[in-house]
Amino acid sequence: MNTINLADKFSSFSDRWSPKIIGELNDFYVKAAKLKGEFIWHHHEREDEMFLVTKGTLLMKFRDREAVVREGEFIIVPHGVEHLPVAEEEVHVVLFEPKSTLNTGNVTNERTVARLQHI
């Protein structure tokens, strides 16, 4: 059992939209990711996602509304809900997701991260 320093974890990588595993909890991964720009519209068939913003402001778009997630806040996106994460400036997020969660959900493209890296 070790403590995890989020600042250290975030300083260890620079790529965006590529979650890194920083912990495991039951059948969940705790991931760190840097986001900037617009991702893709997608949904997850079976997995809910939790985005905890540790730096910056995340705009989560849904087909019928938008939610602003500020530093120190989180949002849970239920499975089956189509969403589009947008970060005008770099945003740092901690994600809590089942191990089966693919970052692009029901879409496979150049942003799909099939093999997650432990840092």
PDB file of N, CA and C in Angstrom:
ATOM      1  N   MET A   1       0.845  -1.179   0.000  1.00  0.00           N
ATOM      2  CA  MET A   1       0.000   0.000   0.000  1.00  0.00           C
ATOM      3  C   MET A   1       0.886   1.236   0.000  1.00  0.00           C
ATOM      4  N   ASN A   2       0.784   1.958  -1.081  1.00  0.00           N
ATOM      5  CA  ASN A   2       1.571   3.173  -1.244  1.00  0.00           C
ATOM      6  C   ASN A   2       0.651   4.332  -1.568  1.00  0.00           C
ATOM      7  N   THR A   3       1.076   5.519  -1.183  1.00  0.00           N
ATOM      8  CA  THR A   3       0.320   6.706  -1.575  1.00  0.00           C
ATOM      9  C   THR A   3       0.669   7.044  -3.028  1.00  0.00           C
ATOM     10  N   ILE A   4      -0.269   7.666  -3.706  1.00  0.00           N
ATOM     11  CA  ILE A   4      -0.070   8.075  -5.095  1.00  0.00           C
ATOM     12  C   ILE A   4      -0.126   9.602  -5.133  1.00  0.00           C
ATOM     13  N   ASN A   5       0.914  10.202  -5.677  1.00  0.00           N
ATOM     14  CA  ASN A   5       0.957  11.643  -5.823  1.00  0.00           C
ATOM     15  C   ASN A   5       0.507  11.995  -7.242  1.00  0.00           C
ATOM     16  N   LEU A   6      -0.652  12.627  -7.347  1.00  0.00           N
ATOM     17  CA  LEU A   6      -1.203  12.927  -8.664  1.00  0.00           C
ATOM     18  C   LEU A   6      -0.314  13.858  -9.475  1.00  0.00           C
ATOM     19  N   ALA A   7       0.283  14.854  -8.841  1.00  0.00           N
ATOM     20  CA  ALA A   7       1.166  15.779  -9.560  1.00  0.00           C
ATOM     21  C   ALA A   7       2.337  15.022 -10.180  1.00  0.00           C
ATOM     22  N   ASP A   8       2.908  14.091  -9.443  1.00  0.00           N
ATOM     23  CA  ASP A   8       4.011  13.284  -9.978  1.00  0.00           C
ATOM     24  C   ASP A   8       3.547  12.452 -11.167  1.00  0.00           C
ATOM     25  N   LYS A   9       2.384  11.844 -11.048  1.00  0.00           N
ATOM     26  CA  LYS A   9       1.862  11.011 -12.138  1.00  0.00           C
ATOM     27  C   LYS A   9       1.618  11.855 -13.389  1.00  0.00           C
ATOM     28  N   PHE A  10       0.968  13.005 -13.227  1.00  0.00           N
ATOM     29  CA  PHE A  10       0.690  13.847 -14.386  1.00  0.00           C
ATOM     30  C   PHE A  10       1.964  14.408 -15.012  1.00  0.00           C
ATOM     31  N   SER A  11       2.993  14.648 -14.208  1.00  0.00           N
ATOM     32  CA  SER A  11       4.244  15.187 -14.763  1.00  0.00           C
ATOM     33  C   SER A  11       5.051  14.120 -15.507  1.00  0.00           C
ATOM     34  N   SER A  12       4.673  12.858 -15.379  1.00  0.00           N
ATOM     35  CA  SER A  12       5.445  11.776 -16.002  1.00  0.00           C
ATOM     36  C   SER A  12       5.055  11.502 -17.456  1.00  0.00           C
ATOM     37  N   PHE A  13       4.032  12.187 -17.975  1.00  0.00           N
ATOM     38  CA  PHE A  13       3.658  11.993 -19.378  1.00  0.00           C
ATOM     39  C   PHE A  13       3.119  13.291 -19.957  1.00  0.00           C
ATOM     40  N   SER A  14       3.155  13.380 -21.292  1.00  0.00           N
ATOM     41  CA  SER A  14       2.689  14.604 -21.947  1.00  0.00           C
ATOM     42  C   SER A  14       1.618  14.351 -22.998  1.00  0.00           C
ATOM     43  N   ASP A  15       1.449  13.106 -23.430  1.00  0.00           N
ATOM     44  CA  ASP A  15       0.471  12.842 -24.480  1.00  0.00           C
ATOM     45  C   ASP A  15      -0.946  13.045 -23.969  1.00  0.00           C
ATOM     46  N   ARG A  16      -1.813  13.380 -24.896  1.00  0.00           N
ATOM     47  CA  ARG A  16      -3.200  13.695 -24.547  1.00  0.00           C
ATOM     48  C   ARG A  16      -4.128  12.632 -25.088  1.00  0.00           C
ATOM     49  N   TRP A  17      -5.267  12.493 -24.422  1.00  0.00           N
ATOM     50  CA  TRP A  17      -6.310  11.546 -24.807  1.00  0.00           C
ATOM     51  C   TRP A  17      -5.814  10.107 -24.761  1.00  0.00           C
ATOM     52  N   SER A  18      -4.825   9.835 -23.931  1.00  0.00           N
ATOM     53  CA  SER A  18      -4.263   8.490 -23.799  1.00  0.00           C
ATOM     54  C   SER A  18      -4.151   8.146 -22.322  1.00  0.00           C
ATOM     55  N   PRO A  19      -5.226   7.626 -21.722  1.00  0.00           N
ATOM     56  CA  PRO A  19      -5.239   7.357 -20.281  1.00  0.00           C
ATOM     57  C   PRO A  19      -4.125   6.415 -19.846  1.00  0.00           C
ATOM     58  N   LYS A  20      -3.594   6.679 -18.667  1.00  0.00           N
ATOM     59  CA  LYS A  20      -2.555   5.850 -18.043  1.00  0.00           C
ATOM     60  C   LYS A  20      -3.115   5.253 -16.756  1.00  0.00           C
ATOM     61  N   ILE A  21      -2.802   4.007 -16.495  1.00  0.00           N
ATOM     62  CA  ILE A  21      -3.263   3.351 -15.267  1.00  0.00           C
ATOM     63  C   ILE A  21      -2.379   3.785 -14.106  1.00  0.00           C
ATOM     64  N   ILE A  22      -3.023   4.326 -13.060  1.00  0.00           N
ATOM     65  CA  ILE A  22      -2.259   4.731 -11.871  1.00  0.00           C
ATOM     66  C   ILE A  22      -2.680   3.941 -10.634  1.00  0.00           C
ATOM     67  N   GLY A  23      -3.666   3.070 -10.783  1.00  0.00           N
ATOM     68  CA  GLY A  23      -4.097   2.244  -9.663  1.00  0.00           C
ATOM     69  C   GLY A  23      -5.172   1.260 -10.091  1.00  0.00           C
ATOM     70  N   GLU A  24      -5.414   0.287  -9.227  1.00  0.00           N
ATOM     71  CA  GLU A  24      -6.465  -0.695  -9.462  1.00  0.00           C
ATOM     72  C   GLU A  24      -7.283  -0.847  -8.192  1.00  0.00           C
ATOM     73  N   LEU A  25      -8.578  -0.974  -8.375  1.00  0.00           N
ATOM     74  CA  LEU A  25      -9.495  -1.078  -7.253  1.00  0.00           C
ATOM     75  C   LEU A  25     -10.577  -2.071  -7.651  1.00  0.00           C
ATOM     76  N   ASN A  26     -10.581  -3.249  -7.026  1.00  0.00           N
ATOM     77  CA  ASN A  26     -11.503  -4.318  -7.417  1.00  0.00           C
ATOM     78  C   ASN A  26     -11.380  -4.546  -8.924  1.00  0.00           C
ATOM     79  N   ASP A  27     -12.441  -4.460  -9.668  1.00  0.00           N
ATOM     80  CA  ASP A  27     -12.379  -4.663 -11.117  1.00  0.00           C
ATOM     81  C   ASP A  27     -12.351  -3.338 -11.870  1.00  0.00           C
ATOM     82  N   PHE A  28     -11.807  -2.299 -11.219  1.00  0.00           N
ATOM     83  CA  PHE A  28     -11.725  -0.970 -11.811  1.00  0.00           C
ATOM     84  C   PHE A  28     -10.271  -0.544 -11.950  1.00  0.00           C
ATOM     85  N   TYR A  29     -10.033   0.279 -12.961  1.00  0.00           N
ATOM     86  CA  TYR A  29      -8.768   0.988 -13.069  1.00  0.00           C
ATOM     87  C   TYR A  29      -8.986   2.419 -12.613  1.00  0.00           C
ATOM     88  N   VAL A  30      -7.974   2.976 -11.982  1.00  0.00           N
ATOM     89  CA  VAL A  30      -7.905   4.405 -11.725  1.00  0.00           C
ATOM     90  C   VAL A  30      -6.905   4.912 -12.756  1.00  0.00           C
ATOM     91  N   LYS A  31      -7.353   5.845 -13.599  1.00  0.00           N
ATOM     92  CA  LYS A  31      -6.525   6.309 -14.708  1.00  0.00           C
ATOM     93  C   LYS A  31      -6.300   7.811 -14.616  1.00  0.00           C
ATOM     94  N   ALA A  32      -5.168   8.237 -15.141  1.00  0.00           N
ATOM     95  CA  ALA A  32      -4.861   9.666 -15.278  1.00  0.00           C
ATOM     96  C   ALA A  32      -4.804   9.964 -16.767  1.00  0.00           C
ATOM     97  N   ALA A  33      -5.380  11.095 -17.160  1.00  0.00           N
ATOM     98  CA  ALA A  33      -5.333  11.493 -18.566  1.00  0.00           C
ATOM     99  C   ALA A  33      -5.254  13.004 -18.681  1.00  0.00           C
ATOM    100  N   LYS A  34      -4.547  13.432 -19.705  1.00  0.00           N
ATOM    101  CA  LYS A  34      -4.509  14.848 -20.069  1.00  0.00           C
ATOM    102  C   LYS A  34      -5.364  15.006 -21.316  1.00  0.00           C
ATOM    103  N   LEU A  35      -6.189  16.032 -21.315  1.00  0.00           N
ATOM    104  CA  LEU A  35      -7.099  16.267 -22.423  1.00  0.00           C
ATOM    105  C   LEU A  35      -6.905  17.675 -22.955  1.00  0.00           C
ATOM    106  N   LYS A  36      -6.970  17.827 -24.255  1.00  0.00           N
ATOM    107  CA  LYS A  36      -6.994  19.158 -24.864  1.00  0.00           C
ATOM    108  C   LYS A  36      -7.619  19.025 -26.238  1.00  0.00           C
ATOM    109  N   GLY A  37      -8.545  19.926 -26.520  1.00  0.00           N
ATOM    110  CA  GLY A  37      -9.263  19.872 -27.780  1.00  0.00           C
ATOM    111  C   GLY A  37     -10.552  19.086 -27.612  1.00  0.00           C
ATOM    112  N   GLU A  38     -11.037  18.599 -28.743  1.00  0.00           N
ATOM    113  CA  GLU A  38     -12.300  17.868 -28.754  1.00  0.00           C
ATOM    114  C   GLU A  38     -12.013  16.396 -28.998  1.00  0.00           C
ATOM    115  N   PHE A  39     -12.686  15.514 -28.268  1.00  0.00           N
ATOM    116  CA  PHE A  39     -12.511  14.077 -28.451  1.00  0.00           C
ATOM    117  C   PHE A  39     -13.440  13.621 -29.573  1.00  0.00           C
ATOM    118  N   ILE A  40     -14.194  12.573 -29.384  1.00  0.00           N
ATOM    119  CA  ILE A  40     -15.161  12.083 -30.369  1.00  0.00           C
ATOM    120  C   ILE A  40     -16.467  11.746 -29.665  1.00  0.00           C
ATOM    121  N   TRP A  41     -17.565  11.824 -30.395  1.00  0.00           N
ATOM    122  CA  TRP A  41     -18.836  11.365 -29.850  1.00  0.00           C
ATOM    123  C   TRP A  41     -18.759   9.846 -29.707  1.00  0.00           C
ATOM    124  N   HIS A  42     -19.124   9.354 -28.534  1.00  0.00           N
ATOM    125  CA  HIS A  42     -19.115   7.915 -28.295  1.00  0.00           C
ATOM    126  C   HIS A  42     -19.966   7.586 -27.079  1.00  0.00           C
ATOM    127  N   HIS A  43     -20.204   6.308 -26.869  1.00  0.00           N
ATOM    128  CA  HIS A  43     -20.854   5.841 -25.651  1.00  0.00           C
ATOM    129  C   HIS A  43     -20.264   4.481 -25.287  1.00  0.00           C
ATOM    130  N   HIS A  44     -20.564   4.039 -24.100  1.00  0.00           N
ATOM    131  CA  HIS A  44     -20.091   2.747 -23.616  1.00  0.00           C
ATOM    132  C   HIS A  44     -21.315   1.881 -23.348  1.00  0.00           C
ATOM    133  N   GLU A  45     -21.336   0.713 -23.933  1.00  0.00           N
ATOM    134  CA  GLU A  45     -22.503  -0.172 -23.831  1.00  0.00           C
ATOM    135  C   GLU A  45     -22.797  -0.587 -22.394  1.00  0.00           C
ATOM    136  N   ARG A  46     -21.740  -0.957 -21.645  1.00  0.00           N
ATOM    137  CA  ARG A  46     -21.946  -1.534 -20.314  1.00  0.00           C
ATOM    138  C   ARG A  46     -21.299  -0.770 -19.167  1.00  0.00           C
ATOM    139  N   GLU A  47     -20.394   0.136 -19.472  1.00  0.00           N
ATOM    140  CA  GLU A  47     -19.620   0.771 -18.407  1.00  0.00           C
ATOM    141  C   GLU A  47     -20.025   2.219 -18.174  1.00  0.00           C
ATOM    142  N   ASP A  48     -20.180   2.577 -16.897  1.00  0.00           N
ATOM    143  CA  ASP A  48     -20.298   3.978 -16.497  1.00  0.00           C
ATOM    144  C   ASP A  48     -18.876   4.533 -16.406  1.00  0.00           C
ATOM    145  N   GLU A  49     -18.727   5.839 -16.554  1.00  0.00           N
ATOM    146  CA  GLU A  49     -17.420   6.485 -16.428  1.00  0.00           C
ATOM    147  C   GLU A  49     -17.511   7.632 -15.435  1.00  0.00           C
ATOM    148  N   MET A  50     -16.461   7.797 -14.646  1.00  0.00           N
ATOM    149  CA  MET A  50     -16.386   8.940 -13.742  1.00  0.00           C
ATOM    150  C   MET A  50     -15.156   9.758 -14.104  1.00  0.00           C
ATOM    151  N   PHE A  51     -15.371  11.049 -14.363  1.00  0.00           N
ATOM    152  CA  PHE A  51     -14.304  11.998 -14.694  1.00  0.00           C
ATOM    153  C   PHE A  51     -14.144  12.959 -13.521  1.00  0.00           C
ATOM    154  N   LEU A  52     -13.013  12.915 -12.827  1.00  0.00           N
ATOM    155  CA  LEU A  52     -12.692  13.836 -11.743  1.00  0.00           C
ATOM    156  C   LEU A  52     -11.656  14.820 -12.274  1.00  0.00           C
ATOM    157  N   VAL A  53     -12.027  16.081 -12.358  1.00  0.00           N
ATOM    158  CA  VAL A  53     -11.123  17.102 -12.895  1.00  0.00           C
ATOM    159  C   VAL A  53     -10.204  17.584 -11.781  1.00  0.00           C
ATOM    160  N   THR A  54      -8.892  17.439 -11.994  1.00  0.00           N
ATOM    161  CA  THR A  54      -7.919  17.899 -11.008  1.00  0.00           C
ATOM    162  C   THR A  54      -7.225  19.192 -11.445  1.00  0.00           C
ATOM    163  N   LYS A  55      -7.347  19.515 -12.742  1.00  0.00           N
ATOM    164  CA  LYS A  55      -6.771  20.765 -13.245  1.00  0.00           C
ATOM    165  C   LYS A  55      -7.569  21.188 -14.465  1.00  0.00           C
ATOM    166  N   GLY A  56      -7.966  22.453 -14.507  1.00  0.00           N
ATOM    167  CA  GLY A  56      -8.657  22.990 -15.664  1.00  0.00           C
ATOM    168  C   GLY A  56     -10.171  22.836 -15.592  1.00  0.00           C
ATOM    169  N   THR A  57     -10.806  23.000 -16.746  1.00  0.00           N
ATOM    170  CA  THR A  57     -12.266  22.915 -16.859  1.00  0.00           C
ATOM    171  C   THR A  57     -12.613  22.047 -18.054  1.00  0.00           C
ATOM    172  N   LEU A  58     -13.450  21.063 -17.829  1.00  0.00           N
ATOM    173  CA  LEU A  58     -13.885  20.133 -18.857  1.00  0.00           C
ATOM    174  C   LEU A  58     -15.327  20.441 -19.237  1.00  0.00           C
ATOM    175  N   LEU A  59     -15.585  20.493 -20.523  1.00  0.00           N
ATOM    176  CA  LEU A  59     -16.954  20.616 -21.017  1.00  0.00           C
ATOM    177  C   LEU A  59     -17.372  19.231 -21.496  1.00  0.00           C
ATOM    178  N   MET A  60     -18.432  18.697 -20.913  1.00  0.00           N
ATOM    179  CA  MET A  60     -18.950  17.404 -21.341  1.00  0.00           C
ATOM    180  C   MET A  60     -20.232  17.666 -22.113  1.00  0.00           C
ATOM    181  N   LYS A  61     -20.186  17.385 -23.400  1.00  0.00           N
ATOM    182  CA  LYS A  61     -21.362  17.590 -24.235  1.00  0.00           C
ATOM    183  C   LYS A  61     -22.166  16.304 -24.310  1.00  0.00           C
ATOM    184  N   PHE A  62     -23.465  16.476 -24.242  1.00  0.00           N
ATOM    185  CA  PHE A  62     -24.413  15.403 -24.456  1.00  0.00           C
ATOM    186  C   PHE A  62     -25.296  15.846 -25.608  1.00  0.00           C
ATOM    187  N   ARG A  63     -26.043  14.954 -26.198  1.00  0.00           N
ATOM    188  CA  ARG A  63     -26.873  15.320 -27.353  1.00  0.00           C
ATOM    189  C   ARG A  63     -27.946  16.341 -26.984  1.00  0.00           C
ATOM    190  N   ASP A  64     -28.365  16.358 -25.708  1.00  0.00           N
ATOM    191  CA  ASP A  64     -29.455  17.254 -25.306  1.00  0.00           C
ATOM    192  C   ASP A  64     -29.039  18.367 -24.361  1.00  0.00           C
ATOM    193  N   ARG A  65     -27.753  18.404 -23.958  1.00  0.00           N
ATOM    194  CA  ARG A  65     -27.301  19.438 -23.027  1.00  0.00           C
ATOM    195  C   ARG A  65     -25.784  19.401 -22.909  1.00  0.00           C
ATOM    196  N   GLU A  66     -25.259  20.305 -22.099  1.00  0.00           N
ATOM    197  CA  GLU A  66     -23.829  20.349 -21.809  1.00  0.00           C
ATOM    198  C   GLU A  66     -23.630  20.497 -20.311  1.00  0.00           C
ATOM    199  N   ALA A  67     -22.517  19.981 -19.806  1.00  0.00           N
ATOM    200  CA  ALA A  67     -22.169  20.132 -18.396  1.00  0.00           C
ATOM    201  C   ALA A  67     -20.739  20.640 -18.302  1.00  0.00           C
ATOM    202  N   VAL A  68     -20.527  21.641 -17.467  1.00  0.00           N
ATOM    203  CA  VAL A  68     -19.187  22.171 -17.214  1.00  0.00           C
ATOM    204  C   VAL A  68     -18.689  21.540 -15.921  1.00  0.00           C
ATOM    205  N   VAL A  69     -17.508  20.928 -16.004  1.00  0.00           N
ATOM    206  CA  VAL A  69     -16.907  20.255 -14.847  1.00  0.00           C
ATOM    207  C   VAL A  69     -15.618  20.990 -14.515  1.00  0.00           C
ATOM    208  N   ARG A  70     -15.633  21.654 -13.362  1.00  0.00           N
ATOM    209  CA  ARG A  70     -14.494  22.482 -12.956  1.00  0.00           C
ATOM    210  C   ARG A  70     -13.547  21.696 -12.056  1.00  0.00           C
ATOM    211  N   GLU A  71     -12.383  22.284 -11.861  1.00  0.00           N
ATOM    212  CA  GLU A  71     -11.370  21.699 -10.984  1.00  0.00           C
ATOM    213  C   GLU A  71     -11.987  21.346  -9.636  1.00  0.00           C
ATOM    214  N   GLY A  72     -11.760  20.121  -9.182  1.00  0.00           N
ATOM    215  CA  GLY A  72     -12.302  19.672  -7.906  1.00  0.00           C
ATOM    216  C   GLY A  72     -13.700  19.084  -8.012  1.00  0.00           C
ATOM    217  N   GLU A  73     -14.252  19.018  -9.223  1.00  0.00           N
ATOM    218  CA  GLU A  73     -15.587  18.454  -9.445  1.00  0.00           C
ATOM    219  C   GLU A  73     -15.470  17.191 -10.288  1.00  0.00           C
ATOM    220  N   PHE A  74     -16.516  16.381 -10.260  1.00  0.00           N
ATOM    221  CA  PHE A  74     -16.542  15.218 -11.124  1.00  0.00           C
ATOM    222  C   PHE A  74     -17.920  15.042 -11.728  1.00  0.00           C
ATOM    223  N   ILE A  75     -17.949  14.249 -12.796  1.00  0.00           N
ATOM    224  CA  ILE A  75     -19.202  13.909 -13.459  1.00  0.00           C
ATOM    225  C   ILE A  75     -19.181  12.413 -13.739  1.00  0.00           C
ATOM    226  N   ILE A  76     -20.330  11.786 -13.586  1.00  0.00           N
ATOM    227  CA  ILE A  76     -20.479  10.375 -13.918  1.00  0.00           C
ATOM    228  C   ILE A  76     -21.349  10.298 -15.170  1.00  0.00           C
ATOM    229  N   VAL A  77     -20.819   9.659 -16.191  1.00  0.00           N
ATOM    230  CA  VAL A  77     -21.552   9.457 -17.433  1.00  0.00           C
ATOM    231  C   VAL A  77     -22.068   8.019 -17.421  1.00  0.00           C
ATOM    232  N   PRO A  78     -23.386   7.845 -17.335  1.00  0.00           N
ATOM    233  CA  PRO A  78     -23.947   6.490 -17.311  1.00  0.00           C
ATOM    234  C   PRO A  78     -23.717   5.748 -18.637  1.00  0.00           C
ATOM    235  N   HIS A  79     -23.637   4.432 -18.545  1.00  0.00           N
ATOM    236  CA  HIS A  79     -23.461   3.633 -19.762  1.00  0.00           C
ATOM    237  C   HIS A  79     -24.629   3.892 -20.716  1.00  0.00           C
ATOM    238  N   GLY A  80     -24.316   3.834 -21.989  1.00  0.00           N
ATOM    239  CA  GLY A  80     -25.326   4.055 -23.010  1.00  0.00           C
ATOM    240  C   GLY A  80     -25.565   5.503 -23.378  1.00  0.00           C
ATOM    241  N   VAL A  81     -24.992   6.441 -22.626  1.00  0.00           N
ATOM    242  CA  VAL A  81     -25.209   7.871 -22.893  1.00  0.00           C
ATOM    243  C   VAL A  81     -24.092   8.387 -23.798  1.00  0.00           C
ATOM    244  N   GLU A  82     -24.474   8.886 -24.966  1.00  0.00           N
ATOM    245  CA  GLU A  82     -23.498   9.431 -25.893  1.00  0.00           C
ATOM    246  C   GLU A  82     -22.950  10.748 -25.343  1.00  0.00           C
ATOM    247  N   HIS A  83     -21.630  10.900 -25.414  1.00  0.00           N
ATOM    248  CA  HIS A  83     -21.000  12.091 -24.862  1.00  0.00           C
ATOM    249  C   HIS A  83     -19.765  12.473 -25.672  1.00  0.00           C
ATOM    250  N   LEU A  84     -19.381  13.742 -25.516  1.00  0.00           N
ATOM    251  CA  LEU A  84     -18.232  14.303 -26.219  1.00  0.00           C
ATOM    252  C   LEU A  84     -17.459  15.183 -25.243  1.00  0.00           C
ATOM    253  N   PRO A  85     -16.311  14.713 -24.731  1.00  0.00           N
ATOM    254  CA  PRO A  85     -15.483  15.557 -23.872  1.00  0.00           C
ATOM    255  C   PRO A  85     -14.756  16.619 -24.696  1.00  0.00           C
ATOM    256  N   VAL A  86     -14.725  17.846 -24.166  1.00  0.00           N
ATOM    257  CA  VAL A  86     -14.062  18.965 -24.831  1.00  0.00           C
ATOM    258  C   VAL A  86     -13.249  19.731 -23.787  1.00  0.00           C
ATOM    259  N   ALA A  87     -11.999  20.049 -24.133  1.00  0.00           N
ATOM    260  CA  ALA A  87     -11.124  20.816 -23.236  1.00  0.00           C
ATOM    261  C   ALA A  87     -10.472  21.929 -24.048  1.00  0.00           C
ATOM    262  N   GLU A  88     -10.914  23.170 -23.822  1.00  0.00           N
ATOM    263  CA  GLU A  88     -10.321  24.294 -24.561  1.00  0.00           C
ATOM    264  C   GLU A  88      -8.850  24.461 -24.203  1.00  0.00           C
ATOM    265  N   GLU A  89      -8.535  24.365 -22.925  1.00  0.00           N
ATOM    266  CA  GLU A  89      -7.155  24.378 -22.428  1.00  0.00           C
ATOM    267  C   GLU A  89      -6.884  22.989 -21.846  1.00  0.00           C
ATOM    268  N   GLU A  90      -5.609  22.681 -21.602  1.00  0.00           N
ATOM    269  CA  GLU A  90      -5.293  21.351 -21.084  1.00  0.00           C
ATOM    270  C   GLU A  90      -6.015  21.094 -19.759  1.00  0.00           C
ATOM    271  N   VAL A  91      -6.620  19.935 -19.673  1.00  0.00           N
ATOM    272  CA  VAL A  91      -7.338  19.498 -18.483  1.00  0.00           C
ATOM    273  C   VAL A  91      -6.722  18.189 -18.010  1.00  0.00           C
ATOM    274  N   HIS A  92      -6.562  18.051 -16.701  1.00  0.00           N
ATOM    275  CA  HIS A  92      -6.102  16.799 -16.109  1.00  0.00           C
ATOM    276  C   HIS A  92      -7.303  16.150 -15.441  1.00  0.00           C
ATOM    277  N   VAL A  93      -7.523  14.869 -15.770  1.00  0.00           N
ATOM    278  CA  VAL A  93      -8.633  14.142 -15.171  1.00  0.00           C
ATOM    279  C   VAL A  93      -8.154  12.821 -14.598  1.00  0.00           C
ATOM    280  N   VAL A  94      -8.814  12.417 -13.530  1.00  0.00           N
ATOM    281  CA  VAL A  94      -8.661  11.077 -12.991  1.00  0.00           C
ATOM    282  C   VAL A  94      -9.955  10.358 -13.347  1.00  0.00           C
ATOM    283  N   LEU A  95      -9.811   9.197 -13.955  1.00  0.00           N
ATOM    284  CA  LEU A  95     -10.951   8.414 -14.402  1.00  0.00           C
ATOM    285  C   LEU A  95     -11.094   7.170 -13.531  1.00  0.00           C
ATOM    286  N   PHE A  96     -12.315   6.856 -13.176  1.00  0.00           N
ATOM    287  CA  PHE A  96     -12.617   5.621 -12.466  1.00  0.00           C
ATOM    288  C   PHE A  96     -13.508   4.808 -13.390  1.00  0.00           C
ATOM    289  N   GLU A  97     -12.987   3.696 -13.903  1.00  0.00           N
ATOM    290  CA  GLU A  97     -13.714   2.936 -14.913  1.00  0.00           C
ATOM    291  C   GLU A  97     -13.491   1.439 -14.716  1.00  0.00           C
ATOM    292  N   PRO A  98     -14.481   0.625 -15.082  1.00  0.00           N
ATOM    293  CA  PRO A  98     -14.253  -0.820 -15.105  1.00  0.00           C
ATOM    294  C   PRO A  98     -13.072  -1.135 -16.029  1.00  0.00           C
ATOM    295  N   LYS A  99     -12.355  -2.195 -15.719  1.00  0.00           N
ATOM    296  CA  LYS A  99     -11.183  -2.562 -16.515  1.00  0.00           C
ATOM    297  C   LYS A  99     -11.528  -2.813 -17.977  1.00  0.00           C
ATOM    298  N   SER A 100     -12.759  -3.150 -18.258  1.00  0.00           N
ATOM    299  CA  SER A 100     -13.182  -3.443 -19.637  1.00  0.00           C
ATOM    300  C   SER A 100     -13.417  -2.201 -20.478  1.00  0.00           C
ATOM    301  N   THR A 101     -13.354  -1.012 -19.885  1.00  0.00           N
ATOM    302  CA  THR A 101     -13.705   0.223 -20.599  1.00  0.00           C
ATOM    303  C   THR A 101     -12.664   0.591 -21.645  1.00  0.00           C
ATOM    304  N   LEU A 102     -13.109   0.740 -22.884  1.00  0.00           N
ATOM    305  CA  LEU A 102     -12.274   1.224 -23.977  1.00  0.00           C
ATOM    306  C   LEU A 102     -12.495   2.726 -24.072  1.00  0.00           C
ATOM    307  N   ASN A 103     -11.425   3.501 -24.173  1.00  0.00           N
ATOM    308  CA  ASN A 103     -11.556   4.959 -24.105  1.00  0.00           C
ATOM    309  C   ASN A 103     -12.491   5.540 -25.160  1.00  0.00           C
ATOM    310  N   THR A 104     -12.598   4.897 -26.305  1.00  0.00           N
ATOM    311  CA  THR A 104     -13.471   5.404 -27.363  1.00  0.00           C
ATOM    312  C   THR A 104     -14.814   4.665 -27.414  1.00  0.00           C
ATOM    313  N   GLY A 105     -15.075   3.845 -26.424  1.00  0.00           N
ATOM    314  CA  GLY A 105     -16.369   3.181 -26.314  1.00  0.00           C
ATOM    315  C   GLY A 105     -16.743   2.382 -27.536  1.00  0.00           C
ATOM    316  N   ASN A 106     -17.854   2.758 -28.161  1.00  0.00           N
ATOM    317  CA  ASN A 106     -18.385   2.017 -29.300  1.00  0.00           C
ATOM    318  C   ASN A 106     -17.729   2.382 -30.632  1.00  0.00           C
ATOM    319  N   VAL A 107     -16.714   3.244 -30.604  1.00  0.00           N
ATOM    320  CA  VAL A 107     -16.024   3.700 -31.817  1.00  0.00           C
ATOM    321  C   VAL A 107     -14.576   3.237 -31.748  1.00  0.00           C
ATOM    322  N   THR A 108     -14.062   2.748 -32.870  1.00  0.00           N
ATOM    323  CA  THR A 108     -12.650   2.400 -32.957  1.00  0.00           C
ATOM    324  C   THR A 108     -12.028   3.267 -34.045  1.00  0.00           C
ATOM    325  N   ASN A 109     -11.014   4.047 -33.642  1.00  0.00           N
ATOM    326  CA  ASN A 109     -10.325   4.902 -34.599  1.00  0.00           C
ATOM    327  C   ASN A 109      -8.905   5.170 -34.105  1.00  0.00           C
ATOM    328  N   GLU A 110      -8.245   6.182 -34.657  1.00  0.00           N
ATOM    329  CA  GLU A 110      -6.852   6.469 -34.299  1.00  0.00           C
ATOM    330  C   GLU A 110      -6.676   6.900 -32.843  1.00  0.00           C
ATOM    331  N   ARG A 111      -7.731   7.281 -32.169  1.00  0.00           N
ATOM    332  CA  ARG A 111      -7.638   7.672 -30.757  1.00  0.00           C
ATOM    333  C   ARG A 111      -7.903   6.521 -29.789  1.00  0.00           C
ATOM    334  N   THR A 112      -8.244   5.368 -30.313  1.00  0.00           N
ATOM    335  CA  THR A 112      -8.507   4.209 -29.464  1.00  0.00           C
ATOM    336  C   THR A 112      -7.198   3.733 -28.841  1.00  0.00           C
ATOM    337  N   VAL A 113      -7.218   3.562 -27.521  1.00  0.00           N
ATOM    338  CA  VAL A 113      -6.042   3.060 -26.800  1.00  0.00           C
ATOM    339  C   VAL A 113      -6.383   1.642 -26.331  1.00  0.00           C
ATOM    340  N   ALA A 114      -5.888   0.665 -27.079  1.00  0.00           N
ATOM    341  CA  ALA A 114      -6.207  -0.732 -26.785  1.00  0.00           C
ATOM    342  C   ALA A 114      -5.338  -1.289 -25.661  1.00  0.00           C
ATOM    343  N   ARG A 115      -4.116  -0.814 -25.570  1.00  0.00           N
ATOM    344  CA  ARG A 115      -3.192  -1.294 -24.532  1.00  0.00           C
ATOM    345  C   ARG A 115      -2.858  -0.128 -23.601  1.00  0.00           C
ATOM    346  N   LEU A 116      -3.348  -0.223 -22.404  1.00  0.00           N
ATOM    347  CA  LEU A 116      -3.107   0.851 -21.439  1.00  0.00           C
ATOM    348  C   LEU A 116      -1.727   0.677 -20.799  1.00  0.00           C
ATOM    349  N   GLN A 117      -1.116   1.797 -20.511  1.00  0.00           N
ATOM    350  CA  GLN A 117       0.198   1.823 -19.888  1.00  0.00           C
ATOM    351  C   GLN A 117       0.049   2.086 -18.394  1.00  0.00           C
ATOM    352  N   HIS A 118       0.739   1.308 -17.572  1.00  0.00           N
ATOM    353  CA  HIS A 118       0.828   1.575 -16.134  1.00  0.00           C
ATOM    354  C   HIS A 118       1.956   2.578 -15.904  1.00  0.00           C
ATOM    355  N   ILE A 119       1.683   3.600 -15.112  1.00  0.00           N
ATOM    356  CA  ILE A 119       2.763   4.541 -14.783  1.00  0.00           C
ATOM    357  C   ILE A 119       2.874   4.659 -13.273  1.00  0.00           C
TER     358      ILE A 119
END
